[in-house]
Amino acid sequence: MDTDTVDGLYAITAIAGHFDVQPETLVRYERAGLLRPTIVNDVRFYTAADVDRLSTIRRLTDICGLNLAGVDVVLRLLDEIQILQGQLS
């Protein structure tokens, strides 16, 4: 079994390498409730949606200078907007 991908999921090492961050950074985001990886045999795996969310997290922290609490607020607002847009459709 390839340790970088499983059924469309990406291993923490692959994602950390792609975003040029330490795996501990991703675990910190998880502890803050910003990411919810799938854990298989003690390895964290991320979906394409998780990768998109991580991209947003990185933009908010790197470009906008938000701390994780601020990122949490923005992500919750974005989720709410998405729900409301779905209700309008």
N, C-alpha and C. Protein backbone atom coordinates (compact mmCIF):
# COMPACT_ATOMS: atom_id res chain seq x y z
N MET A 1 0.84 -1.18 0.00
CA MET A 1 0.00 0.00 0.00
C MET A 1 0.89 1.24 0.00
N ASP A 2 0.58 2.19 -0.88
CA ASP A 2 1.31 3.46 -0.95
C ASP A 2 1.01 4.27 0.30
N THR A 3 2.05 4.75 0.98
CA THR A 3 1.83 5.47 2.23
C THR A 3 1.49 6.94 2.00
N ASP A 4 1.60 7.43 0.76
CA ASP A 4 1.26 8.83 0.49
C ASP A 4 -0.21 9.03 0.16
N THR A 5 -0.86 8.02 -0.45
CA THR A 5 -2.28 8.14 -0.78
C THR A 5 -3.00 6.84 -0.49
N VAL A 6 -4.25 6.97 -0.05
CA VAL A 6 -5.14 5.83 0.16
C VAL A 6 -6.53 6.27 -0.25
N ASP A 7 -7.09 5.65 -1.29
CA ASP A 7 -8.45 5.94 -1.74
C ASP A 7 -8.74 7.44 -1.85
N GLY A 8 -7.87 8.18 -2.54
CA GLY A 8 -8.09 9.61 -2.73
C GLY A 8 -7.75 10.47 -1.53
N LEU A 9 -7.14 9.87 -0.52
CA LEU A 9 -6.70 10.61 0.65
C LEU A 9 -5.20 10.81 0.57
N TYR A 10 -4.73 11.92 1.11
CA TYR A 10 -3.30 12.24 1.06
C TYR A 10 -2.71 12.19 2.46
N ALA A 11 -1.58 11.53 2.59
CA ALA A 11 -0.92 11.39 3.89
C ALA A 11 -0.40 12.73 4.37
N ILE A 12 -0.27 12.84 5.67
CA ILE A 12 0.19 14.08 6.29
C ILE A 12 1.55 14.51 5.75
N THR A 13 2.42 13.56 5.47
CA THR A 13 3.75 13.91 4.96
C THR A 13 3.67 14.53 3.57
N ALA A 14 2.77 14.02 2.73
CA ALA A 14 2.60 14.57 1.39
C ALA A 14 2.04 15.98 1.45
N ILE A 15 1.06 16.19 2.32
CA ILE A 15 0.44 17.51 2.44
C ILE A 15 1.42 18.51 3.06
N ALA A 16 2.15 18.07 4.08
CA ALA A 16 3.13 18.95 4.70
C ALA A 16 4.18 19.37 3.67
N GLY A 17 4.63 18.43 2.86
CA GLY A 17 5.60 18.75 1.82
C GLY A 17 5.04 19.70 0.78
N HIS A 18 3.81 19.49 0.38
CA HIS A 18 3.17 20.34 -0.62
C HIS A 18 3.06 21.79 -0.14
N PHE A 19 2.71 21.97 1.13
CA PHE A 19 2.53 23.31 1.68
C PHE A 19 3.79 23.84 2.36
N ASP A 20 4.86 23.07 2.31
CA ASP A 20 6.14 23.46 2.91
C ASP A 20 5.99 23.85 4.38
N VAL A 21 5.30 22.96 5.12
CA VAL A 21 5.14 23.13 6.57
C VAL A 21 5.55 21.83 7.25
N GLN A 22 5.77 21.89 8.53
CA GLN A 22 6.07 20.69 9.31
C GLN A 22 4.76 19.95 9.60
N PRO A 23 4.79 18.62 9.67
CA PRO A 23 3.58 17.88 10.04
C PRO A 23 2.98 18.36 11.37
N GLU A 24 3.83 18.84 12.26
CA GLU A 24 3.35 19.35 13.55
C GLU A 24 2.42 20.54 13.37
N THR A 25 2.65 21.32 12.32
CA THR A 25 1.78 22.46 12.03
C THR A 25 0.38 21.97 11.71
N LEU A 26 0.28 20.91 10.92
CA LEU A 26 -1.03 20.34 10.57
C LEU A 26 -1.72 19.78 11.80
N VAL A 27 -0.95 19.16 12.68
CA VAL A 27 -1.51 18.63 13.93
C VAL A 27 -2.01 19.79 14.79
N ARG A 28 -1.27 20.89 14.81
CA ARG A 28 -1.70 22.07 15.57
C ARG A 28 -3.02 22.61 15.02
N TYR A 29 -3.17 22.65 13.70
CA TYR A 29 -4.43 23.08 13.09
C TYR A 29 -5.56 22.13 13.47
N GLU A 30 -5.24 20.85 13.52
CA GLU A 30 -6.25 19.86 13.92
C GLU A 30 -6.68 20.09 15.37
N ARG A 31 -5.72 20.31 16.25
CA ARG A 31 -6.04 20.55 17.66
C ARG A 31 -6.86 21.81 17.86
N ALA A 32 -6.66 22.79 16.97
CA ALA A 32 -7.43 24.03 17.04
C ALA A 32 -8.82 23.87 16.42
N GLY A 33 -9.09 22.69 15.86
CA GLY A 33 -10.39 22.42 15.26
C GLY A 33 -10.55 22.92 13.84
N LEU A 34 -9.44 23.29 13.21
CA LEU A 34 -9.51 23.83 11.86
C LEU A 34 -9.50 22.75 10.78
N LEU A 35 -8.91 21.62 11.07
CA LEU A 35 -8.85 20.48 10.15
C LEU A 35 -9.31 19.22 10.87
N ARG A 36 -9.91 18.31 10.11
CA ARG A 36 -10.36 17.04 10.68
C ARG A 36 -9.92 15.89 9.76
N PRO A 37 -8.66 15.47 9.88
CA PRO A 37 -8.18 14.41 9.00
C PRO A 37 -8.80 13.06 9.35
N THR A 38 -8.71 12.17 8.39
CA THR A 38 -9.08 10.77 8.60
C THR A 38 -7.83 10.06 9.10
N ILE A 39 -7.97 9.28 10.15
CA ILE A 39 -6.81 8.57 10.70
C ILE A 39 -6.93 7.09 10.38
N VAL A 40 -5.92 6.57 9.68
CA VAL A 40 -5.88 5.15 9.30
C VAL A 40 -4.55 4.60 9.78
N ASN A 41 -4.60 3.60 10.66
CA ASN A 41 -3.38 2.99 11.20
C ASN A 41 -2.42 4.04 11.76
N ASP A 42 -2.95 4.95 12.53
CA ASP A 42 -2.17 6.02 13.19
C ASP A 42 -1.54 7.01 12.22
N VAL A 43 -1.98 7.03 10.96
CA VAL A 43 -1.48 8.00 9.98
C VAL A 43 -2.64 8.93 9.61
N ARG A 44 -2.37 10.23 9.64
CA ARG A 44 -3.39 11.21 9.28
C ARG A 44 -3.44 11.34 7.76
N PHE A 45 -4.67 11.27 7.22
CA PHE A 45 -4.90 11.45 5.79
C PHE A 45 -5.88 12.58 5.58
N TYR A 46 -5.69 13.31 4.47
CA TYR A 46 -6.49 14.48 4.18
C TYR A 46 -7.18 14.33 2.83
N THR A 47 -8.43 14.80 2.74
CA THR A 47 -9.19 14.78 1.50
C THR A 47 -8.84 16.00 0.66
N ALA A 48 -9.35 16.03 -0.57
CA ALA A 48 -9.16 17.21 -1.42
C ALA A 48 -9.81 18.43 -0.77
N ALA A 49 -10.94 18.25 -0.11
CA ALA A 49 -11.60 19.36 0.59
C ALA A 49 -10.73 19.86 1.73
N ASP A 50 -10.06 18.95 2.44
CA ASP A 50 -9.13 19.35 3.51
C ASP A 50 -7.98 20.17 2.93
N VAL A 51 -7.50 19.77 1.76
CA VAL A 51 -6.39 20.48 1.11
C VAL A 51 -6.84 21.90 0.75
N ASP A 52 -8.06 22.03 0.22
CA ASP A 52 -8.59 23.36 -0.09
C ASP A 52 -8.71 24.21 1.17
N ARG A 53 -9.20 23.60 2.24
CA ARG A 53 -9.35 24.31 3.51
C ARG A 53 -7.98 24.73 4.05
N LEU A 54 -7.01 23.84 3.92
CA LEU A 54 -5.65 24.16 4.37
C LEU A 54 -5.07 25.31 3.56
N SER A 55 -5.36 25.34 2.29
CA SER A 55 -4.91 26.44 1.45
C SER A 55 -5.48 27.77 1.96
N THR A 56 -6.75 27.75 2.33
CA THR A 56 -7.39 28.95 2.90
C THR A 56 -6.73 29.32 4.23
N ILE A 57 -6.50 28.33 5.06
CA ILE A 57 -5.85 28.58 6.36
C ILE A 57 -4.49 29.23 6.16
N ARG A 58 -3.71 28.70 5.23
CA ARG A 58 -2.37 29.25 4.99
C ARG A 58 -2.45 30.68 4.46
N ARG A 59 -3.40 30.97 3.57
CA ARG A 59 -3.55 32.34 3.08
C ARG A 59 -3.92 33.29 4.21
N LEU A 60 -4.83 32.85 5.08
CA LEU A 60 -5.26 33.70 6.19
C LEU A 60 -4.14 33.97 7.18
N THR A 61 -3.30 32.97 7.41
CA THR A 61 -2.20 33.15 8.36
C THR A 61 -1.02 33.88 7.73
N ASP A 62 -0.64 33.47 6.53
CA ASP A 62 0.56 34.02 5.90
C ASP A 62 0.34 35.41 5.30
N ILE A 63 -0.76 35.57 4.58
CA ILE A 63 -0.98 36.83 3.88
C ILE A 63 -1.71 37.85 4.76
N CYS A 64 -2.76 37.38 5.45
CA CYS A 64 -3.56 38.29 6.26
C CYS A 64 -3.02 38.46 7.68
N GLY A 65 -2.15 37.57 8.10
CA GLY A 65 -1.55 37.68 9.42
C GLY A 65 -2.47 37.31 10.57
N LEU A 66 -3.51 36.53 10.29
CA LEU A 66 -4.44 36.13 11.35
C LEU A 66 -3.83 35.03 12.22
N ASN A 67 -4.20 35.04 13.50
CA ASN A 67 -3.83 33.93 14.37
C ASN A 67 -4.89 32.84 14.20
N LEU A 68 -4.70 31.71 14.86
CA LEU A 68 -5.62 30.58 14.65
C LEU A 68 -7.03 30.88 15.12
N ALA A 69 -7.19 31.69 16.15
CA ALA A 69 -8.53 32.07 16.59
C ALA A 69 -9.23 32.90 15.51
N GLY A 70 -8.50 33.79 14.89
CA GLY A 70 -9.06 34.59 13.80
C GLY A 70 -9.40 33.73 12.60
N VAL A 71 -8.53 32.79 12.29
CA VAL A 71 -8.79 31.86 11.19
C VAL A 71 -10.07 31.08 11.47
N ASP A 72 -10.24 30.64 12.70
CA ASP A 72 -11.44 29.89 13.07
C ASP A 72 -12.70 30.71 12.80
N VAL A 73 -12.68 31.98 13.19
CA VAL A 73 -13.84 32.85 12.97
C VAL A 73 -14.12 32.99 11.48
N VAL A 74 -13.10 33.25 10.68
CA VAL A 74 -13.28 33.42 9.24
C VAL A 74 -13.81 32.14 8.61
N LEU A 75 -13.25 30.99 8.98
CA LEU A 75 -13.71 29.72 8.40
C LEU A 75 -15.17 29.44 8.76
N ARG A 76 -15.56 29.75 10.00
CA ARG A 76 -16.96 29.58 10.40
C ARG A 76 -17.88 30.48 9.58
N LEU A 77 -17.45 31.71 9.36
CA LEU A 77 -18.25 32.63 8.54
C LEU A 77 -18.35 32.14 7.09
N LEU A 78 -17.25 31.66 6.54
CA LEU A 78 -17.27 31.12 5.18
C LEU A 78 -18.20 29.91 5.08
N ASP A 79 -18.16 29.04 6.10
CA ASP A 79 -19.06 27.88 6.13
C ASP A 79 -20.52 28.33 6.18
N GLU A 80 -20.80 29.34 6.98
CA GLU A 80 -22.16 29.86 7.11
C GLU A 80 -22.64 30.48 5.79
N ILE A 81 -21.76 31.20 5.13
CA ILE A 81 -22.11 31.78 3.82
C ILE A 81 -22.44 30.68 2.84
N GLN A 82 -21.67 29.62 2.85
CA GLN A 82 -21.92 28.49 1.94
C GLN A 82 -23.27 27.85 2.22
N ILE A 83 -23.61 27.70 3.49
CA ILE A 83 -24.92 27.14 3.85
C ILE A 83 -26.05 28.04 3.38
N LEU A 84 -25.90 29.33 3.60
CA LEU A 84 -26.93 30.28 3.19
C LEU A 84 -27.08 30.33 1.65
N GLN A 85 -25.98 30.24 0.95
CA GLN A 85 -26.04 30.20 -0.51
C GLN A 85 -26.77 28.95 -0.99
N GLY A 86 -26.54 27.84 -0.30
CA GLY A 86 -27.24 26.60 -0.62
C GLY A 86 -28.74 26.71 -0.40
N GLN A 87 -29.13 27.45 0.60
CA GLN A 87 -30.55 27.62 0.89
C GLN A 87 -31.23 28.51 -0.14
N LEU A 88 -30.47 29.40 -0.75
CA LEU A 88 -31.02 30.28 -1.77
C LEU A 88 -31.20 29.58 -3.11
N SER A 89 -30.46 28.54 -3.33
CA SER A 89 -30.51 27.82 -4.61
C SER A 89 -31.75 26.98 -4.75
